[in-house]
Amino acid sequence: MSEPQQQRPTLEEMVAAGRAFEQRMRAAQAELGQALVTGRSVDGTVVVLASGLGQVKAVRVSPAVFDRRDLTGLQDAIVQSIRAAGANAAALAGEMMGAIEINVH
C-alpha cells in the first residue's frame, strides 16, 4: 500500500508564509525595542536598564560603592550588570520570537 503524497505548497503560498513570518518578526522587534530588562551585579550595587534589544538605557550605582572607594570592584560590578542585562534581553527575545522553524517541501 502506498502512502498518499503530500501536496506541495504553491509559490504564492510560500511567499505569503514568508511575508507573514517577516511581519511577526518586525512586530516582535518593535516590542523588544520598547521592553525594558534589568541586569544586576552579584553584590547588588549596580543595576543596568536595557531595552529588549540589548541597548543600555541607564546605569544605577548604589551610593555605598563610593564609601568603599573600590574602583576595581565597581568596574567588575558594571560589567556583571551589563552581561546580566544582555542575557535577560536574549531570554526575552527567545520568549517573544520562539524557535524559528522553516519547512521546505
Protein backbone atom coordinates (compact mmCIF):
# COMPACT_ATOMS: atom_id res chain seq x y z
CA MET A 1 0.00 0.00 0.00
CA SER A 2 1.49 3.33 -0.95
CA GLU A 3 1.30 6.40 1.24
CA PRO A 4 -0.58 9.42 -0.09
CA GLN A 5 1.67 12.12 -1.44
CA GLN A 6 1.81 15.40 0.41
CA GLN A 7 0.66 18.32 -1.63
CA ARG A 8 3.47 20.80 -2.18
CA PRO A 9 2.80 24.44 -1.37
CA THR A 10 2.47 26.76 -4.30
CA LEU A 11 4.87 29.63 -4.85
CA GLU A 12 2.15 32.06 -3.78
CA GLU A 13 1.62 30.16 -0.53
CA MET A 14 5.34 30.17 0.19
CA VAL A 15 5.59 33.91 -0.49
CA ALA A 16 2.56 34.58 1.74
CA ALA A 17 4.08 32.49 4.53
CA GLY A 18 7.36 34.36 4.17
CA ARG A 19 5.59 37.72 4.39
CA ALA A 20 3.62 36.64 7.46
CA PHE A 21 6.84 35.46 9.11
CA GLU A 22 8.57 38.77 8.32
CA GLN A 23 5.62 40.70 9.77
CA ARG A 24 5.74 38.67 13.01
CA MET A 25 9.49 39.25 13.32
CA ARG A 26 9.11 43.01 12.73
CA ALA A 27 6.36 43.22 15.36
CA ALA A 28 8.47 41.27 17.86
CA GLN A 29 11.47 43.52 17.15
CA ALA A 30 9.34 46.62 17.79
CA GLU A 31 8.08 45.17 21.08
CA LEU A 32 11.62 44.27 22.15
CA GLY A 33 12.73 47.81 21.41
CA GLN A 34 10.11 49.12 23.85
CA ALA A 35 10.65 46.47 26.55
CA LEU A 36 12.97 47.07 29.49
CA VAL A 37 15.12 44.43 31.15
CA THR A 38 17.47 44.75 34.09
CA GLY A 39 20.81 43.33 34.99
CA ARG A 40 22.30 43.36 38.49
CA SER A 41 25.81 42.88 39.73
CA VAL A 42 26.40 39.95 42.05
CA ASP A 43 26.74 42.28 45.06
CA GLY A 44 23.68 44.32 44.02
CA THR A 45 25.50 47.64 43.91
CA VAL A 46 24.97 48.25 40.17
CA VAL A 47 21.79 47.90 38.13
CA VAL A 48 21.70 48.30 34.34
CA LEU A 49 18.47 49.01 32.48
CA ALA A 50 18.45 47.93 28.84
CA SER A 51 15.96 47.51 26.03
CA GLY A 52 14.85 44.07 24.97
CA LEU A 53 17.27 44.53 22.06
CA GLY A 54 20.18 44.90 24.48
CA GLN A 55 20.67 48.66 24.21
CA VAL A 56 21.81 50.07 27.57
CA LYS A 57 19.42 52.81 28.71
CA ALA A 58 20.67 53.60 32.23
CA VAL A 59 23.16 52.56 34.88
CA ARG A 60 22.31 52.95 38.55
CA VAL A 61 25.07 52.76 41.15
CA SER A 62 24.44 52.41 44.89
CA PRO A 63 25.98 55.26 46.93
CA ALA A 64 27.59 52.60 49.14
CA VAL A 65 30.11 51.99 46.35
CA PHE A 66 31.60 55.43 46.87
CA ASP A 67 32.11 54.88 50.59
CA ARG A 68 34.26 51.84 49.83
CA ARG A 69 36.27 53.60 47.12
CA ASP A 70 36.84 50.27 45.39
CA LEU A 71 37.36 51.19 41.74
CA THR A 72 38.10 47.62 40.60
CA GLY A 73 35.02 46.33 42.40
CA LEU A 74 32.87 48.99 40.77
CA GLN A 75 34.23 48.18 37.32
CA ASP A 76 33.55 44.47 37.85
CA ALA A 77 30.02 45.22 39.09
CA ILE A 78 29.28 47.31 35.99
CA VAL A 79 30.50 44.55 33.67
CA GLN A 80 28.46 41.93 35.57
CA SER A 81 25.34 44.08 35.30
CA ILE A 82 25.76 44.71 31.58
CA ARG A 83 26.25 40.98 30.94
CA ALA A 84 23.19 40.12 33.03
CA ALA A 85 21.07 42.68 31.17
CA GLY A 86 22.26 41.23 27.84
CA ALA A 87 21.38 37.71 28.96
CA ASN A 88 17.94 38.86 30.11
CA ALA A 89 17.36 40.64 26.80
CA ALA A 90 18.32 37.47 24.91
CA ALA A 91 15.96 35.39 27.05
CA LEU A 92 13.10 37.83 26.43
CA ALA A 93 13.78 37.77 22.68
CA GLY A 94 13.69 33.96 22.76
CA GLU A 95 10.36 34.02 24.59
CA MET A 96 8.83 36.52 22.19
CA MET A 97 10.16 35.15 18.94
CA GLY A 98 10.27 31.49 19.84
CA ALA A 99 12.07 28.89 17.85
CA ILE A 100 12.30 29.59 14.20
CA GLU A 101 11.04 26.74 12.11
CA ILE A 102 11.44 26.64 8.37
CA ASN A 103 9.81 23.91 6.33
CA VAL A 104 11.00 23.35 2.80
CA HIS A 105 8.97 20.94 0.69
